[in-house]
Amino acid sequence: MLLIPQGQEIVLSYVHSLERTPVRDLFFLQYNQLCLYEEMVKSHNAGLPTLNPYPGSLIKTKDWLIFRGGRRHWANIHCRVGNAEIGKNVLSIGGRDYELYALYPGQVICLSVALKPIL
C-alpha cells in the first residue's frame, strides 16, 4: 500500500498490447475515487474520435491524441500487467516510477483508494 495525498498526480503508462503504441493515463485522487483527468495515446488516428467527447476535449499534437476531462472516476481499477516485452506497465507517483511489469508480470492488480488520516 502506498500513502498518497489527495490531489496527487498518478500516471499509469503502458504499451497497448495490440497496437504496440504508448498510452498514458493521468489520474488524481479525489475523495475516495481515482479520477481520470487525461489519457494520452500515440496512434495513427485509425478508428479514433475526431470530435470532442462530452464533457471533455480532444487535443491533437504532433505525437499524441489527448483526451482531457470527461469526469470518469472509479473506486478501484483492475489492471492486467504485462511484462518486459508486452505491456510495460509503469505507475508514476510523485516523481517515483514503479515498474509494475517487473514487480507483477502477467498478474492482475487493483488500484484503489482508502482514506487514512496522516497524523
C-alpha atoms as a PDB file:
ATOM      1  CA  MET A   1       0.000   0.000   0.000  1.00  0.00           C
ATOM      2  CA  LEU A   2       1.251   3.498  -0.866  1.00  0.00           C
ATOM      3  CA  LEU A   3       0.240   6.580   1.127  1.00  0.00           C
ATOM      4  CA  ILE A   4      -0.591   9.318  -1.366  1.00  0.00           C
ATOM      5  CA  PRO A   5      -2.032  12.750  -0.505  1.00  0.00           C
ATOM      6  CA  GLN A   6      -5.334  13.923  -2.012  1.00  0.00           C
ATOM      7  CA  GLY A   7      -4.832  15.737  -5.312  1.00  0.00           C
ATOM      8  CA  GLN A   8      -1.593  13.856  -6.041  1.00  0.00           C
ATOM      9  CA  GLU A   9      -0.957  13.156  -9.713  1.00  0.00           C
ATOM     10  CA  ILE A  10      -0.796   9.469 -10.612  1.00  0.00           C
ATOM     11  CA  VAL A  11       0.281   8.337 -14.085  1.00  0.00           C
ATOM     12  CA  LEU A  12      -0.268   4.821 -15.375  1.00  0.00           C
ATOM     13  CA  SER A  13       1.769   4.251 -18.552  1.00  0.00           C
ATOM     14  CA  TYR A  14       1.727   1.178 -20.733  1.00  0.00           C
ATOM     15  CA  VAL A  15       2.254  -0.048 -24.255  1.00  0.00           C
ATOM     16  CA  HIS A  16      -1.035  -1.062 -25.878  1.00  0.00           C
ATOM     17  CA  SER A  17      -0.834  -4.803 -26.484  1.00  0.00           C
ATOM     18  CA  LEU A  18      -2.444  -4.810 -29.942  1.00  0.00           C
ATOM     19  CA  GLU A  19      -1.345  -1.500 -31.400  1.00  0.00           C
ATOM     20  CA  ARG A  20       2.068  -1.545 -29.670  1.00  0.00           C
ATOM     21  CA  THR A  21       1.664   2.181 -29.045  1.00  0.00           C
ATOM     22  CA  PRO A  22       2.300   4.115 -25.817  1.00  0.00           C
ATOM     23  CA  VAL A  23      -0.628   5.186 -23.630  1.00  0.00           C
ATOM     24  CA  ARG A  24      -0.508   7.451 -20.543  1.00  0.00           C
ATOM     25  CA  ASP A  25      -3.447   7.764 -18.152  1.00  0.00           C
ATOM     26  CA  LEU A  26      -3.285  10.686 -15.716  1.00  0.00           C
ATOM     27  CA  PHE A  27      -5.341  10.264 -12.540  1.00  0.00           C
ATOM     28  CA  PHE A  28      -5.876  12.397  -9.446  1.00  0.00           C
ATOM     29  CA  LEU A  29      -7.109  11.184  -6.087  1.00  0.00           C
ATOM     30  CA  GLN A  30     -10.299  12.920  -5.118  1.00  0.00           C
ATOM     31  CA  TYR A  31     -12.248  11.847  -2.038  1.00  0.00           C
ATOM     32  CA  ASN A  32     -12.402   8.064  -2.351  1.00  0.00           C
ATOM     33  CA  GLN A  33     -12.101   7.937  -6.143  1.00  0.00           C
ATOM     34  CA  LEU A  34      -9.465   7.642  -8.849  1.00  0.00           C
ATOM     35  CA  CYS A  35     -10.395  10.428 -11.274  1.00  0.00           C
ATOM     36  CA  LEU A  36      -9.153  10.132 -14.854  1.00  0.00           C
ATOM     37  CA  TYR A  37      -8.114  13.625 -15.900  1.00  0.00           C
ATOM     38  CA  GLU A  38      -6.293  12.872 -19.138  1.00  0.00           C
ATOM     39  CA  GLU A  39      -5.474   9.989 -21.453  1.00  0.00           C
ATOM     40  CA  MET A  40      -2.681  10.375 -23.974  1.00  0.00           C
ATOM     41  CA  VAL A  41      -2.432   7.962 -26.907  1.00  0.00           C
ATOM     42  CA  LYS A  42       0.172   7.700 -29.638  1.00  0.00           C
ATOM     43  CA  SER A  43      -1.783   6.488 -32.617  1.00  0.00           C
ATOM     44  CA  HIS A  44      -2.248   6.706 -36.350  1.00  0.00           C
ATOM     45  CA  ASN A  45      -5.827   8.022 -35.873  1.00  0.00           C
ATOM     46  CA  ALA A  46      -7.423   4.829 -37.203  1.00  0.00           C
ATOM     47  CA  GLY A  47     -10.776   4.335 -35.504  1.00  0.00           C
ATOM     48  CA  LEU A  48     -10.323   7.161 -33.001  1.00  0.00           C
ATOM     49  CA  PRO A  49     -12.796  10.017 -32.500  1.00  0.00           C
ATOM     50  CA  THR A  50     -12.494  13.225 -34.482  1.00  0.00           C
ATOM     51  CA  LEU A  51     -14.867  15.321 -32.343  1.00  0.00           C
ATOM     52  CA  ASN A  52     -14.576  16.455 -28.743  1.00  0.00           C
ATOM     53  CA  PRO A  53     -16.093  13.997 -26.295  1.00  0.00           C
ATOM     54  CA  TYR A  54     -18.682  15.476 -23.963  1.00  0.00           C
ATOM     55  CA  PRO A  55     -17.835  16.519 -21.352  1.00  0.00           C
ATOM     56  CA  GLY A  56     -14.179  16.961 -22.097  1.00  0.00           C
ATOM     57  CA  SER A  57     -11.921  17.758 -25.004  1.00  0.00           C
ATOM     58  CA  LEU A  58      -9.783  16.101 -27.648  1.00  0.00           C
ATOM     59  CA  ILE A  59      -6.408  17.697 -28.322  1.00  0.00           C
ATOM     60  CA  LYS A  60      -4.199  16.628 -31.228  1.00  0.00           C
ATOM     61  CA  THR A  61      -0.487  17.297 -31.071  1.00  0.00           C
ATOM     62  CA  LYS A  62       2.250  16.168 -33.419  1.00  0.00           C
ATOM     63  CA  ASP A  63       2.832  12.992 -31.398  1.00  0.00           C
ATOM     64  CA  TRP A  64      -0.219  12.462 -29.155  1.00  0.00           C
ATOM     65  CA  LEU A  65      -4.003  12.366 -29.118  1.00  0.00           C
ATOM     66  CA  ILE A  66      -5.037  13.720 -25.719  1.00  0.00           C
ATOM     67  CA  PHE A  67      -8.465  13.061 -24.244  1.00  0.00           C
ATOM     68  CA  ARG A  68      -8.931  15.514 -21.370  1.00  0.00           C
ATOM     69  CA  GLY A  69     -11.759  15.760 -18.873  1.00  0.00           C
ATOM     70  CA  GLY A  70     -14.852  13.644 -19.141  1.00  0.00           C
ATOM     71  CA  ARG A  71     -15.448  13.224 -15.401  1.00  0.00           C
ATOM     72  CA  ARG A  72     -14.700   9.498 -15.380  1.00  0.00           C
ATOM     73  CA  HIS A  73     -13.877   8.107 -11.937  1.00  0.00           C
ATOM     74  CA  TRP A  74     -13.684   4.780 -10.145  1.00  0.00           C
ATOM     75  CA  ALA A  75     -13.396   3.439  -6.603  1.00  0.00           C
ATOM     76  CA  ASN A  76     -10.952   0.839  -7.938  1.00  0.00           C
ATOM     77  CA  ILE A  77      -9.357  -0.137 -11.212  1.00  0.00           C
ATOM     78  CA  HIS A  78      -8.301  -3.669 -12.092  1.00  0.00           C
ATOM     79  CA  CYS A  79      -5.287  -3.656 -14.361  1.00  0.00           C
ATOM     80  CA  ARG A  80      -3.720  -6.580 -16.203  1.00  0.00           C
ATOM     81  CA  VAL A  81       0.046  -6.128 -16.015  1.00  0.00           C
ATOM     82  CA  GLY A  82       2.230  -7.062 -18.948  1.00  0.00           C
ATOM     83  CA  ASN A  83       5.898  -7.967 -18.904  1.00  0.00           C
ATOM     84  CA  ALA A  84       9.147  -6.579 -20.304  1.00  0.00           C
ATOM     85  CA  GLU A  85       8.053  -7.487 -23.853  1.00  0.00           C
ATOM     86  CA  ILE A  86       4.322  -6.736 -23.857  1.00  0.00           C
ATOM     87  CA  GLY A  87       2.610  -4.058 -21.797  1.00  0.00           C
ATOM     88  CA  LYS A  88       5.469  -2.496 -19.845  1.00  0.00           C
ATOM     89  CA  ASN A  89       3.084  -1.000 -17.272  1.00  0.00           C
ATOM     90  CA  VAL A  90       4.669   1.738 -15.158  1.00  0.00           C
ATOM     91  CA  LEU A  91       2.945   3.533 -12.276  1.00  0.00           C
ATOM     92  CA  SER A  92       4.376   7.012 -11.544  1.00  0.00           C
ATOM     93  CA  ILE A  93       3.528   8.773  -8.295  1.00  0.00           C
ATOM     94  CA  GLY A  94       5.199  11.929  -7.024  1.00  0.00           C
ATOM     95  CA  GLY A  95       8.169  11.622  -9.363  1.00  0.00           C
ATOM     96  CA  ARG A  96       8.819   7.971  -8.457  1.00  0.00           C
ATOM     97  CA  ASP A  97       8.304   5.177 -11.002  1.00  0.00           C
ATOM     98  CA  TYR A  98       7.102   1.685 -10.101  1.00  0.00           C
ATOM     99  CA  GLU A  99       7.810  -0.776 -12.914  1.00  0.00           C
ATOM    100  CA  LEU A 100       4.719  -2.929 -12.469  1.00  0.00           C
ATOM    101  CA  TYR A 101       5.752  -5.192 -15.349  1.00  0.00           C
ATOM    102  CA  ALA A 102       8.885  -6.167 -13.377  1.00  0.00           C
ATOM    103  CA  LEU A 103       7.153  -6.376  -9.968  1.00  0.00           C
ATOM    104  CA  TYR A 104       3.940  -8.169 -11.048  1.00  0.00           C
ATOM    105  CA  PRO A 105       4.480  -9.656 -14.529  1.00  0.00           C
ATOM    106  CA  GLY A 106       1.346 -11.227 -16.003  1.00  0.00           C
ATOM    107  CA  GLN A 107      -0.739 -10.538 -12.895  1.00  0.00           C
ATOM    108  CA  VAL A 108      -3.912  -8.533 -12.342  1.00  0.00           C
ATOM    109  CA  ILE A 109      -3.544  -5.737  -9.805  1.00  0.00           C
ATOM    110  CA  CYS A 110      -6.158  -3.473  -8.254  1.00  0.00           C
ATOM    111  CA  LEU A 111      -5.620   0.254  -7.792  1.00  0.00           C
ATOM    112  CA  SER A 112      -7.959   1.587  -5.123  1.00  0.00           C
ATOM    113  CA  VAL A 113      -8.342   4.445  -2.688  1.00  0.00           C
ATOM    114  CA  ALA A 114      -8.605   4.131   1.080  1.00  0.00           C
ATOM    115  CA  LEU A 115      -8.838   7.341   3.079  1.00  0.00           C
ATOM    116  CA  LYS A 116      -6.449   7.463   6.058  1.00  0.00           C
ATOM    117  CA  PRO A 117      -5.548  10.288   8.442  1.00  0.00           C
ATOM    118  CA  ILE A 118      -1.953  11.453   8.067  1.00  0.00           C
ATOM    119  CA  LEU A 119      -1.414  12.025  11.786  1.00  0.00           C
END
